[in-house]
PDB file of N, CA and C in Angstrom:
ATOM      1  N   UNK A   1      -3.595  -5.437 -56.568  1.00  0.00           N
ATOM      2  CA  UNK A   1      -3.281  -6.706 -57.201  1.00  0.00           C
ATOM      3  C   UNK A   1      -4.364  -7.001 -58.245  1.00  0.00           C
ATOM      4  N   UNK A   2      -3.933  -7.514 -59.363  1.00  0.00           N
ATOM      5  CA  UNK A   2      -4.872  -7.851 -60.430  1.00  0.00           C
ATOM      6  C   UNK A   2      -5.696  -9.078 -60.045  1.00  0.00           C
ATOM      7  N   UNK A   3      -7.008  -9.064 -60.320  1.00  0.00           N
ATOM      8  CA  UNK A   3      -7.851 -10.223 -59.994  1.00  0.00           C
ATOM      9  C   UNK A   3      -7.377 -11.524 -60.641  1.00  0.00           C
ATOM     10  N   UNK A   4      -6.762 -11.424 -61.807  1.00  0.00           N
ATOM     11  CA  UNK A   4      -6.311 -12.647 -62.480  1.00  0.00           C
ATOM     12  C   UNK A   4      -5.275 -13.390 -61.640  1.00  0.00           C
ATOM     13  N   UNK A   5      -4.525 -12.665 -60.816  1.00  0.00           N
ATOM     14  CA  UNK A   5      -3.513 -13.326 -59.989  1.00  0.00           C
ATOM     15  C   UNK A   5      -4.145 -14.249 -58.959  1.00  0.00           C
ATOM     16  N   UNK A   6      -5.323 -13.893 -58.460  1.00  0.00           N
ATOM     17  CA  UNK A   6      -6.036 -14.787 -57.537  1.00  0.00           C
ATOM     18  C   UNK A   6      -6.425 -16.062 -58.278  1.00  0.00           C
ATOM     19  N   UNK A   7      -6.910 -15.918 -59.512  1.00  0.00           N
ATOM     20  CA  UNK A   7      -7.276 -17.098 -60.305  1.00  0.00           C
ATOM     21  C   UNK A   7      -6.062 -17.974 -60.585  1.00  0.00           C
ATOM     22  N   UNK A   8      -4.961 -17.344 -60.953  1.00  0.00           N
ATOM     23  CA  UNK A   8      -3.742 -18.110 -61.224  1.00  0.00           C
ATOM     24  C   UNK A   8      -3.263 -18.801 -59.956  1.00  0.00           C
ATOM     25  N   UNK A   9      -3.251 -18.076 -58.841  1.00  0.00           N
ATOM     26  CA  UNK A   9      -2.793 -18.658 -57.576  1.00  0.00           C
ATOM     27  C   UNK A   9      -3.679 -19.822 -57.148  1.00  0.00           C
ATOM     28  N   UNK A  10      -4.992 -19.671 -57.304  1.00  0.00           N
ATOM     29  CA  UNK A  10      -5.909 -20.755 -56.929  1.00  0.00           C
ATOM     30  C   UNK A  10      -5.701 -21.975 -57.819  1.00  0.00           C
ATOM     31  N   UNK A  11      -5.484 -21.747 -59.108  1.00  0.00           N
ATOM     32  CA  UNK A  11      -5.235 -22.871 -60.021  1.00  0.00           C
ATOM     33  C   UNK A  11      -3.921 -23.566 -59.677  1.00  0.00           C
ATOM     34  N   UNK A  12      -2.912 -22.793 -59.325  1.00  0.00           N
ATOM     35  CA  UNK A  12      -1.625 -23.371 -58.931  1.00  0.00           C
ATOM     36  C   UNK A  12      -1.789 -24.180 -57.651  1.00  0.00           C
ATOM     37  N   UNK A  13      -2.475 -23.607 -56.663  1.00  0.00           N
ATOM     38  CA  UNK A  13      -2.658 -24.284 -55.375  1.00  0.00           C
ATOM     39  C   UNK A  13      -3.369 -25.618 -55.546  1.00  0.00           C
ATOM     40  N   UNK A  14      -4.344 -25.642 -56.443  1.00  0.00           N
ATOM     41  CA  UNK A  14      -5.109 -26.869 -56.681  1.00  0.00           C
ATOM     42  C   UNK A  14      -4.448 -27.762 -57.730  1.00  0.00           C
ATOM     43  N   UNK A  15      -3.312 -27.309 -58.233  1.00  0.00           N
ATOM     44  CA  UNK A  15      -2.589 -28.022 -59.293  1.00  0.00           C
ATOM     45  C   UNK A  15      -3.499 -28.296 -60.490  1.00  0.00           C
ATOM     46  N   UNK A  16      -4.358 -27.304 -60.783  1.00  0.00           N
ATOM     47  CA  UNK A  16      -5.299 -27.441 -61.884  1.00  0.00           C
ATOM     48  C   UNK A  16      -4.728 -27.026 -63.225  1.00  0.00           C
ATOM     49  N   UNK A  17      -3.599 -26.363 -63.216  1.00  0.00           N
ATOM     50  CA  UNK A  17      -2.968 -25.908 -64.453  1.00  0.00           C
ATOM     51  C   UNK A  17      -1.494 -26.286 -64.369  1.00  0.00           C
ATOM     52  N   UNK A  18      -1.183 -27.506 -64.781  1.00  0.00           N
ATOM     53  CA  UNK A  18       0.144 -28.080 -64.588  1.00  0.00           C
ATOM     54  C   UNK A  18       1.285 -27.259 -65.135  1.00  0.00           C
ATOM     55  N   UNK A  19       1.132 -26.701 -66.335  1.00  0.00           N
ATOM     56  CA  UNK A  19       2.230 -25.948 -66.934  1.00  0.00           C
ATOM     57  C   UNK A  19       2.493 -24.655 -66.162  1.00  0.00           C
ATOM     58  N   UNK A  20       1.434 -24.036 -65.654  1.00  0.00           N
ATOM     59  CA  UNK A  20       1.586 -22.818 -64.855  1.00  0.00           C
ATOM     60  C   UNK A  20       2.260 -23.166 -63.528  1.00  0.00           C
ATOM     61  N   UNK A  21       1.806 -24.244 -62.914  1.00  0.00           N
ATOM     62  CA  UNK A  21       2.402 -24.710 -61.656  1.00  0.00           C
ATOM     63  C   UNK A  21       3.900 -24.975 -61.840  1.00  0.00           C
ATOM     64  N   UNK A  22       4.253 -25.680 -62.910  1.00  0.00           N
ATOM     65  CA  UNK A  22       5.659 -26.008 -63.167  1.00  0.00           C
ATOM     66  C   UNK A  22       6.507 -24.745 -63.332  1.00  0.00           C
ATOM     67  N   UNK A  23       5.990 -23.778 -64.083  1.00  0.00           N
ATOM     68  CA  UNK A  23       6.707 -22.521 -64.297  1.00  0.00           C
ATOM     69  C   UNK A  23       6.934 -21.797 -62.973  1.00  0.00           C
ATOM     70  N   UNK A  24       5.882 -21.672 -62.185  1.00  0.00           N
ATOM     71  CA  UNK A  24       5.980 -20.951 -60.915  1.00  0.00           C
ATOM     72  C   UNK A  24       6.909 -21.690 -59.951  1.00  0.00           C
ATOM     73  N   UNK A  25       6.803 -22.997 -59.901  1.00  0.00           N
ATOM     74  CA  UNK A  25       7.665 -23.764 -58.993  1.00  0.00           C
ATOM     75  C   UNK A  25       9.140 -23.601 -59.374  1.00  0.00           C
ATOM     76  N   UNK A  26       9.429 -23.618 -60.674  1.00  0.00           N
ATOM     77  CA  UNK A  26      10.818 -23.406 -61.117  1.00  0.00           C
ATOM     78  C   UNK A  26      11.316 -22.025 -60.694  1.00  0.00           C
ATOM     79  N   UNK A  27      10.492 -21.018 -60.935  1.00  0.00           N
ATOM     80  CA  UNK A  27      10.905 -19.633 -60.605  1.00  0.00           C
ATOM     81  C   UNK A  27      11.005 -19.431 -59.097  1.00  0.00           C
ATOM     82  N   UNK A  28      10.052 -19.951 -58.346  1.00  0.00           N
ATOM     83  CA  UNK A  28      10.057 -19.779 -56.895  1.00  0.00           C
ATOM     84  C   UNK A  28      11.157 -20.601 -56.234  1.00  0.00           C
ATOM     85  N   UNK A  29      11.691 -21.594 -56.939  1.00  0.00           N
ATOM     86  CA  UNK A  29      12.760 -22.417 -56.395  1.00  0.00           C
ATOM     87  C   UNK A  29      13.997 -21.616 -56.029  1.00  0.00           C
ATOM     88  N   UNK A  30      14.114 -20.427 -56.589  1.00  0.00           N
ATOM     89  CA  UNK A  30      15.253 -19.543 -56.289  1.00  0.00           C
ATOM     90  C   UNK A  30      15.050 -18.765 -54.990  1.00  0.00           C
ATOM     91  N   UNK A  31      13.848 -18.799 -54.438  1.00  0.00           N
ATOM     92  CA  UNK A  31      13.494 -17.951 -53.299  1.00  0.00           C
ATOM     93  C   UNK A  31      12.799 -18.789 -52.226  1.00  0.00           C
ATOM     94  N   UNK A  32      13.487 -19.064 -51.116  1.00  0.00           N
ATOM     95  CA  UNK A  32      12.894 -19.918 -50.080  1.00  0.00           C
ATOM     96  C   UNK A  32      11.567 -19.386 -49.520  1.00  0.00           C
ATOM     97  N   UNK A  33      11.433 -18.067 -49.389  1.00  0.00           N
ATOM     98  CA  UNK A  33      10.178 -17.502 -48.869  1.00  0.00           C
ATOM     99  C   UNK A  33       9.034 -17.721 -49.857  1.00  0.00           C
ATOM    100  N   UNK A  34       9.319 -17.551 -51.129  1.00  0.00           N
ATOM    101  CA  UNK A  34       8.299 -17.791 -52.151  1.00  0.00           C
ATOM    102  C   UNK A  34       7.892 -19.257 -52.157  1.00  0.00           C
ATOM    103  N   UNK A  35       8.870 -20.148 -52.008  1.00  0.00           N
ATOM    104  CA  UNK A  35       8.555 -21.586 -51.965  1.00  0.00           C
ATOM    105  C   UNK A  35       7.668 -21.922 -50.772  1.00  0.00           C
ATOM    106  N   UNK A  36       7.904 -21.275 -49.633  1.00  0.00           N
ATOM    107  CA  UNK A  36       7.055 -21.507 -48.457  1.00  0.00           C
ATOM    108  C   UNK A  36       5.608 -21.133 -48.766  1.00  0.00           C
ATOM    109  N   UNK A  37       5.414 -20.014 -49.460  1.00  0.00           N
ATOM    110  CA  UNK A  37       4.057 -19.586 -49.796  1.00  0.00           C
ATOM    111  C   UNK A  37       3.414 -20.528 -50.806  1.00  0.00           C
ATOM    112  N   UNK A  38       4.195 -21.002 -51.767  1.00  0.00           N
ATOM    113  CA  UNK A  38       3.672 -21.975 -52.726  1.00  0.00           C
ATOM    114  C   UNK A  38       3.268 -23.255 -52.004  1.00  0.00           C
ATOM    115  N   UNK A  39       4.129 -23.751 -51.138  1.00  0.00           N
ATOM    116  CA  UNK A  39       3.839 -24.984 -50.402  1.00  0.00           C
ATOM    117  C   UNK A  39       2.648 -24.818 -49.468  1.00  0.00           C
ATOM    118  N   UNK A  40       2.503 -23.647 -48.847  1.00  0.00           N
ATOM    119  CA  UNK A  40       1.353 -23.398 -47.971  1.00  0.00           C
ATOM    120  C   UNK A  40       0.053 -23.440 -48.769  1.00  0.00           C
ATOM    121  N   UNK A  41       0.063 -22.858 -49.961  1.00  0.00           N
ATOM    122  CA  UNK A  41      -1.137 -22.875 -50.805  1.00  0.00           C
ATOM    123  C   UNK A  41      -1.423 -24.278 -51.321  1.00  0.00           C
ATOM    124  N   UNK A  42      -0.371 -25.038 -51.634  1.00  0.00           N
ATOM    125  CA  UNK A  42      -0.556 -26.430 -52.076  1.00  0.00           C
ATOM    126  C   UNK A  42      -1.164 -27.277 -50.962  1.00  0.00           C
ATOM    127  N   UNK A  43      -0.699 -27.055 -49.742  1.00  0.00           N
ATOM    128  CA  UNK A  43      -1.168 -27.821 -48.592  1.00  0.00           C
ATOM    129  C   UNK A  43      -2.618 -27.503 -48.265  1.00  0.00           C
ATOM    130  N   UNK A  44      -3.014 -26.249 -48.469  1.00  0.00           N
ATOM    131  CA  UNK A  44      -4.375 -25.821 -48.127  1.00  0.00           C
ATOM    132  C   UNK A  44      -4.967 -25.004 -49.274  1.00  0.00           C
ATOM    133  N   UNK A  45      -5.271 -25.646 -50.410  1.00  0.00           N
ATOM    134  CA  UNK A  45      -5.764 -24.895 -51.571  1.00  0.00           C
ATOM    135  C   UNK A  45      -7.112 -24.209 -51.346  1.00  0.00           C
ATOM    136  N   UNK A  46      -7.860 -24.633 -50.333  1.00  0.00           N
ATOM    137  CA  UNK A  46      -9.154 -24.004 -50.049  1.00  0.00           C
ATOM    138  C   UNK A  46      -9.027 -22.869 -49.036  1.00  0.00           C
ATOM    139  N   UNK A  47      -7.818 -22.597 -48.563  1.00  0.00           N
ATOM    140  CA  UNK A  47      -7.590 -21.533 -47.583  1.00  0.00           C
ATOM    141  C   UNK A  47      -7.376 -20.210 -48.317  1.00  0.00           C
ATOM    142  N   UNK A  48      -8.341 -19.290 -48.228  1.00  0.00           N
ATOM    143  CA  UNK A  48      -8.210 -18.026 -48.955  1.00  0.00           C
ATOM    144  C   UNK A  48      -6.949 -17.243 -48.588  1.00  0.00           C
ATOM    145  N   UNK A  49      -6.541 -17.296 -47.330  1.00  0.00           N
ATOM    146  CA  UNK A  49      -5.344 -16.553 -46.917  1.00  0.00           C
ATOM    147  C   UNK A  49      -4.093 -17.102 -47.605  1.00  0.00           C
ATOM    148  N   UNK A  50      -3.998 -18.419 -47.720  1.00  0.00           N
ATOM    149  CA  UNK A  50      -2.839 -19.033 -48.379  1.00  0.00           C
ATOM    150  C   UNK A  50      -2.820 -18.695 -49.866  1.00  0.00           C
ATOM    151  N   UNK A  51      -3.988 -18.740 -50.498  1.00  0.00           N
ATOM    152  CA  UNK A  51      -4.074 -18.426 -51.931  1.00  0.00           C
ATOM    153  C   UNK A  51      -3.768 -16.947 -52.167  1.00  0.00           C
ATOM    154  N   UNK A  52      -4.283 -16.079 -51.298  1.00  0.00           N
ATOM    155  CA  UNK A  52      -4.017 -14.643 -51.440  1.00  0.00           C
ATOM    156  C   UNK A  52      -2.539 -14.328 -51.218  1.00  0.00           C
ATOM    157  N   UNK A  53      -1.900 -15.021 -50.280  1.00  0.00           N
ATOM    158  CA  UNK A  53      -0.462 -14.820 -50.057  1.00  0.00           C
ATOM    159  C   UNK A  53       0.331 -15.251 -51.290  1.00  0.00           C
ATOM    160  N   UNK A  54      -0.076 -16.350 -51.900  1.00  0.00           N
ATOM    161  CA  UNK A  54       0.578 -16.806 -53.124  1.00  0.00           C
ATOM    162  C   UNK A  54       0.363 -15.800 -54.251  1.00  0.00           C
ATOM    163  N   UNK A  55      -0.846 -15.272 -54.367  1.00  0.00           N
ATOM    164  CA  UNK A  55      -1.132 -14.267 -55.397  1.00  0.00           C
ATOM    165  C   UNK A  55      -0.294 -13.010 -55.173  1.00  0.00           C
ATOM    166  N   UNK A  56      -0.152 -12.602 -53.919  1.00  0.00           N
ATOM    167  CA  UNK A  56       0.667 -11.425 -53.610  1.00  0.00           C
ATOM    168  C   UNK A  56       2.129 -11.673 -53.983  1.00  0.00           C
ATOM    169  N   UNK A  57       2.613 -12.876 -53.715  1.00  0.00           N
ATOM    170  CA  UNK A  57       3.997 -13.218 -54.072  1.00  0.00           C
ATOM    171  C   UNK A  57       4.152 -13.222 -55.595  1.00  0.00           C
ATOM    172  N   UNK A  58       3.163 -13.775 -56.302  1.00  0.00           N
ATOM    173  CA  UNK A  58       3.204 -13.746 -57.771  1.00  0.00           C
ATOM    174  C   UNK A  58       3.285 -12.308 -58.274  1.00  0.00           C
ATOM    175  N   UNK A  59       2.522 -11.430 -57.651  1.00  0.00           N
ATOM    176  CA  UNK A  59       2.513 -10.023 -58.030  1.00  0.00           C
ATOM    177  C   UNK A  59       3.902  -9.409 -57.844  1.00  0.00           C
ATOM    178  N   UNK A  60       4.533  -9.688 -56.707  1.00  0.00           N
ATOM    179  CA  UNK A  60       5.882  -9.169 -56.447  1.00  0.00           C
ATOM    180  C   UNK A  60       6.896  -9.693 -57.459  1.00  0.00           C
ATOM    181  N   UNK A  61       6.853 -10.988 -57.705  1.00  0.00           N
ATOM    182  CA  UNK A  61       7.823 -11.596 -58.618  1.00  0.00           C
ATOM    183  C   UNK A  61       7.595 -11.100 -60.044  1.00  0.00           C
ATOM    184  N   UNK A  62       6.326 -10.990 -60.448  1.00  0.00           N
ATOM    185  CA  UNK A  62       6.036 -10.467 -61.794  1.00  0.00           C
ATOM    186  C   UNK A  62       6.566  -9.051 -61.958  1.00  0.00           C
ATOM    187  N   UNK A  63       6.395  -8.229 -60.920  1.00  0.00           N
ATOM    188  CA  UNK A  63       6.860  -6.838 -60.991  1.00  0.00           C
ATOM    189  C   UNK A  63       8.379  -6.755 -61.087  1.00  0.00           C
ATOM    190  N   UNK A  64       9.062  -7.650 -60.392  1.00  0.00           N
ATOM    191  CA  UNK A  64      10.524  -7.631 -60.360  1.00  0.00           C
ATOM    192  C   UNK A  64      11.166  -8.329 -61.557  1.00  0.00           C
ATOM    193  N   UNK A  65      10.412  -9.171 -62.234  1.00  0.00           N
ATOM    194  CA  UNK A  65      10.984 -10.005 -63.297  1.00  0.00           C
ATOM    195  C   UNK A  65      10.067  -9.984 -64.524  1.00  0.00           C
ATOM    196  N   UNK A  66      10.247  -8.997 -65.411  1.00  0.00           N
ATOM    197  CA  UNK A  66       9.376  -8.875 -66.584  1.00  0.00           C
ATOM    198  C   UNK A  66       9.371 -10.107 -67.485  1.00  0.00           C
ATOM    199  N   UNK A  67      10.491 -10.813 -67.578  1.00  0.00           N
ATOM    200  CA  UNK A  67      10.501 -12.007 -68.432  1.00  0.00           C
ATOM    201  C   UNK A  67       9.631 -13.106 -67.818  1.00  0.00           C
ATOM    202  N   UNK A  68       9.653 -13.230 -66.490  1.00  0.00           N
ATOM    203  CA  UNK A  68       8.764 -14.181 -65.826  1.00  0.00           C
ATOM    204  C   UNK A  68       7.307 -13.766 -66.031  1.00  0.00           C
ATOM    205  N   UNK A  69       7.023 -12.470 -65.912  1.00  0.00           N
ATOM    206  CA  UNK A  69       5.659 -11.973 -66.105  1.00  0.00           C
ATOM    207  C   UNK A  69       5.146 -12.332 -67.498  1.00  0.00           C
ATOM    208  N   UNK A  70       5.981 -12.126 -68.507  1.00  0.00           N
ATOM    209  CA  UNK A  70       5.580 -12.442 -69.881  1.00  0.00           C
ATOM    210  C   UNK A  70       5.352 -13.940 -70.052  1.00  0.00           C
ATOM    211  N   UNK A  71       6.241 -14.745 -69.483  1.00  0.00           N
ATOM    212  CA  UNK A  71       6.102 -16.201 -69.592  1.00  0.00           C
ATOM    213  C   UNK A  71       4.869 -16.691 -68.838  1.00  0.00           C
ATOM    214  N   UNK A  72       4.604 -16.132 -67.662  1.00  0.00           N
ATOM    215  CA  UNK A  72       3.412 -16.510 -66.899  1.00  0.00           C
ATOM    216  C   UNK A  72       2.149 -16.186 -67.694  1.00  0.00           C
ATOM    217  N   UNK A  73       2.092 -15.003 -68.278  1.00  0.00           N
ATOM    218  CA  UNK A  73       0.930 -14.629 -69.092  1.00  0.00           C
ATOM    219  C   UNK A  73       0.770 -15.567 -70.283  1.00  0.00           C
ATOM    220  N   UNK A  74       1.884 -15.888 -70.942  1.00  0.00           N
ATOM    221  CA  UNK A  74       1.822 -16.774 -72.110  1.00  0.00           C
ATOM    222  C   UNK A  74       1.318 -18.159 -71.716  1.00  0.00           C
ATOM    223  N   UNK A  75       1.874 -18.714 -70.654  1.00  0.00           N
ATOM    224  CA  UNK A  75       1.484 -20.064 -70.228  1.00  0.00           C
ATOM    225  C   UNK A  75       0.040 -20.067 -69.741  1.00  0.00           C
ATOM    226  N   UNK A  76      -0.378 -19.027 -69.011  1.00  0.00           N
ATOM    227  CA  UNK A  76      -1.763 -18.954 -68.530  1.00  0.00           C
ATOM    228  C   UNK A  76      -2.731 -18.874 -69.706  1.00  0.00           C
ATOM    229  N   UNK A  77      -2.365 -18.127 -70.737  1.00  0.00           N
ATOM    230  CA  UNK A  77      -3.230 -18.011 -71.916  1.00  0.00           C
ATOM    231  C   UNK A  77      -3.405 -19.344 -72.636  1.00  0.00           C
ATOM    232  N   UNK A  78      -2.456 -20.257 -72.461  1.00  0.00           N
ATOM    233  CA  UNK A  78      -2.548 -21.571 -73.101  1.00  0.00           C
ATOM    234  C   UNK A  78      -3.400 -22.567 -72.313  1.00  0.00           C
ATOM    235  N   UNK A  79      -3.714 -22.244 -71.065  1.00  0.00           N
ATOM    236  CA  UNK A  79      -4.531 -23.144 -70.244  1.00  0.00           C
ATOM    237  C   UNK A  79      -5.954 -23.126 -70.796  1.00  0.00           C
ATOM    238  N   UNK A  80      -6.518 -24.296 -71.088  1.00  0.00           N
ATOM    239  CA  UNK A  80      -7.899 -24.320 -71.588  1.00  0.00           C
ATOM    240  C   UNK A  80      -8.842 -23.603 -70.623  1.00  0.00           C
ATOM    241  N   UNK A  81      -9.787 -22.886 -71.178  1.00  0.00           N
ATOM    242  CA  UNK A  81     -10.708 -22.084 -70.364  1.00  0.00           C
ATOM    243  C   UNK A  81     -11.427 -22.916 -69.308  1.00  0.00           C
ATOM    244  N   UNK A  82     -11.754 -24.174 -69.610  1.00  0.00           N
ATOM    245  CA  UNK A  82     -12.483 -24.985 -68.628  1.00  0.00           C
ATOM    246  C   UNK A  82     -11.611 -25.348 -67.429  1.00  0.00           C
ATOM    247  N   UNK A  83     -10.304 -25.162 -67.528  1.00  0.00           N
ATOM    248  CA  UNK A  83      -9.419 -25.401 -66.385  1.00  0.00           C
ATOM    249  C   UNK A  83      -9.168 -24.129 -65.592  1.00  0.00           C
ATOM    250  N   UNK A  84      -9.710 -23.014 -66.044  1.00  0.00           N
ATOM    251  CA  UNK A  84      -9.475 -21.731 -65.384  1.00  0.00           C
ATOM    252  C   UNK A  84     -10.543 -21.385 -64.359  1.00  0.00           C
ATOM    253  N   UNK A  85     -11.627 -22.093 -64.317  1.00  0.00           N
ATOM    254  CA  UNK A  85     -12.710 -21.748 -63.403  1.00  0.00           C
ATOM    255  C   UNK A  85     -12.264 -22.017 -61.980  1.00  0.00           C
ATOM    256  N   UNK A  86     -12.252 -20.971 -61.184  1.00  0.00           N
ATOM    257  CA  UNK A  86     -11.866 -21.088 -59.782  1.00  0.00           C
ATOM    258  C   UNK A  86     -12.883 -20.318 -58.968  1.00  0.00           C
ATOM    259  N   UNK A  87     -13.532 -20.993 -58.042  1.00  0.00           N
ATOM    260  CA  UNK A  87     -14.499 -20.343 -57.166  1.00  0.00           C
ATOM    261  C   UNK A  87     -13.956 -20.352 -55.754  1.00  0.00           C
ATOM    262  N   UNK A  88     -14.026 -19.197 -55.102  1.00  0.00           N
ATOM    263  CA  UNK A  88     -13.611 -19.105 -53.709  1.00  0.00           C
ATOM    264  C   UNK A  88     -14.724 -18.441 -52.934  1.00  0.00           C
ATOM    265  N   UNK A  89     -15.061 -19.040 -51.824  1.00  0.00           N
ATOM    266  CA  UNK A  89     -16.055 -18.469 -50.925  1.00  0.00           C
ATOM    267  C   UNK A  89     -15.384 -18.362 -49.574  1.00  0.00           C
ATOM    268  N   UNK A  90     -15.395 -17.176 -49.012  1.00  0.00           N
ATOM    269  CA  UNK A  90     -14.760 -17.011 -47.712  1.00  0.00           C
ATOM    270  C   UNK A  90     -15.552 -16.020 -46.876  1.00  0.00           C
ATOM    271  N   UNK A  91     -15.241 -16.016 -45.607  1.00  0.00           N
ATOM    272  CA  UNK A  91     -15.925 -15.105 -44.700  1.00  0.00           C
ATOM    273  C   UNK A  91     -17.213 -15.701 -44.192  1.00  0.00           C
ATOM    274  N   UNK A  92     -17.962 -14.902 -43.466  1.00  0.00           N
ATOM    275  CA  UNK A  92     -19.232 -15.392 -42.910  1.00  0.00           C
ATOM    276  C   UNK A  92     -20.302 -15.476 -44.000  1.00  0.00           C
ATOM    277  N   UNK A  93     -20.369 -16.612 -44.629  1.00  0.00           N
ATOM    278  CA  UNK A  93     -21.288 -16.813 -45.745  1.00  0.00           C
ATOM    279  C   UNK A  93     -22.359 -17.804 -45.332  1.00  0.00           C
ATOM    280  N   UNK A  94     -23.583 -17.516 -45.701  1.00  0.00           N
ATOM    281  CA  UNK A  94     -24.656 -18.482 -45.476  1.00  0.00           C
ATOM    282  C   UNK A  94     -25.567 -18.445 -46.688  1.00  0.00           C
ATOM    283  N   UNK A  95     -26.292 -19.499 -46.882  1.00  0.00           N
ATOM    284  CA  UNK A  95     -27.189 -19.564 -48.021  1.00  0.00           C
ATOM    285  C   UNK A  95     -26.699 -20.539 -49.062  1.00  0.00           C
ATOM    286  N   UNK A  96     -27.295 -20.451 -50.218  1.00  0.00           N
ATOM    287  CA  UNK A  96     -27.001 -21.405 -51.287  1.00  0.00           C
ATOM    288  C   UNK A  96     -25.914 -20.870 -52.207  1.00  0.00           C
ATOM    289  N   UNK A  97     -25.148 -21.795 -52.755  1.00  0.00           N
ATOM    290  CA  UNK A  97     -24.075 -21.454 -53.679  1.00  0.00           C
ATOM    291  C   UNK A  97     -24.193 -22.368 -54.885  1.00  0.00           C
ATOM    292  N   UNK A  98     -23.969 -21.807 -56.057  1.00  0.00           N
ATOM    293  CA  UNK A  98     -23.988 -22.589 -57.288  1.00  0.00           C
ATOM    294  C   UNK A  98     -22.632 -22.442 -57.959  1.00  0.00           C
ATOM    295  N   UNK A  99     -22.074 -23.566 -58.380  1.00  0.00           N
ATOM    296  CA  UNK A  99     -20.878 -23.548 -59.209  1.00  0.00           C
ATOM    297  C   UNK A  99     -21.315 -23.959 -60.599  1.00  0.00           C
ATOM    298  N   UNK A 100     -21.021 -23.112 -61.575  1.00  0.00           N
ATOM    299  CA  UNK A 100     -21.435 -23.416 -62.936  1.00  0.00           C
ATOM    300  C   UNK A 100     -20.444 -22.798 -63.906  1.00  0.00           C
ATOM    301  N   UNK A 101     -20.335 -23.418 -65.046  1.00  0.00           N
ATOM    302  CA  UNK A 101     -19.502 -22.866 -66.104  1.00  0.00           C
ATOM    303  C   UNK A 101     -20.245 -21.745 -66.788  1.00  0.00           C
ATOM    304  N   UNK A 102     -20.890 -22.053 -67.870  1.00  0.00           N
ATOM    305  CA  UNK A 102     -21.637 -21.060 -68.625  1.00  0.00           C
ATOM    306  C   UNK A 102     -23.122 -21.278 -68.389  1.00  0.00           C
ATOM    307  N   UNK A 103     -23.821 -20.218 -68.009  1.00  0.00           N
ATOM    308  CA  UNK A 103     -25.248 -20.309 -67.721  1.00  0.00           C
ATOM    309  C   UNK A 103     -25.990 -19.386 -68.674  1.00  0.00           C
ATOM    310  N   UNK A 104     -27.011 -19.917 -69.306  1.00  0.00           N
ATOM    311  CA  UNK A 104     -27.891 -19.111 -70.139  1.00  0.00           C
ATOM    312  C   UNK A 104     -29.263 -19.153 -69.491  1.00  0.00           C
ATOM    313  N   UNK A 105     -29.775 -18.007 -69.131  1.00  0.00           N
ATOM    314  CA  UNK A 105     -31.070 -17.975 -68.453  1.00  0.00           C
ATOM    315  C   UNK A 105     -30.904 -17.803 -66.955  1.00  0.00           C
ATOM    316  N   UNK A 106     -31.980 -18.026 -66.245  1.00  0.00           N
ATOM    317  CA  UNK A 106     -32.011 -17.805 -64.800  1.00  0.00           C
ATOM    318  C   UNK A 106     -31.622 -19.052 -64.025  1.00  0.00           C
ATOM    319  N   UNK A 107     -31.201 -18.831 -62.795  1.00  0.00           N
ATOM    320  CA  UNK A 107     -30.981 -19.917 -61.847  1.00  0.00           C
ATOM    321  C   UNK A 107     -31.951 -19.682 -60.700  1.00  0.00           C
ATOM    322  N   UNK A 108     -32.758 -20.677 -60.414  1.00  0.00           N
ATOM    323  CA  UNK A 108     -33.730 -20.573 -59.322  1.00  0.00           C
ATOM    324  C   UNK A 108     -33.469 -21.653 -58.291  1.00  0.00           C
ATOM    325  N   UNK A 109     -33.695 -21.315 -57.023  1.00  0.00           N
ATOM    326  CA  UNK A 109     -33.560 -22.295 -55.947  1.00  0.00           C
ATOM    327  C   UNK A 109     -34.927 -22.646 -55.432  1.00  0.00           C
TER     328      UNK A 109
END
């Protein structure tokens, strides 16, 4: 699966990219299983498993529907870059975490 699909799925789950969300919701409306995955990610946008399941479904639908794939890419490219930042931390993680857009220089704790 392409890494960009995780970013798209996370943005959709958090409703951070409205036009992408609208496109995916319209397309997934034809498929009850896809809608379940979209709704699961919407309900728990911080759940990596839900976001990954949505990304996997996006991958399947893109592969099966080239026109949807092209439209998804076009709409995603129109999303302002500052709305594309998606950070996910999962698993047994400890320590400090920094969320930042563009960093020039070092980050020290």
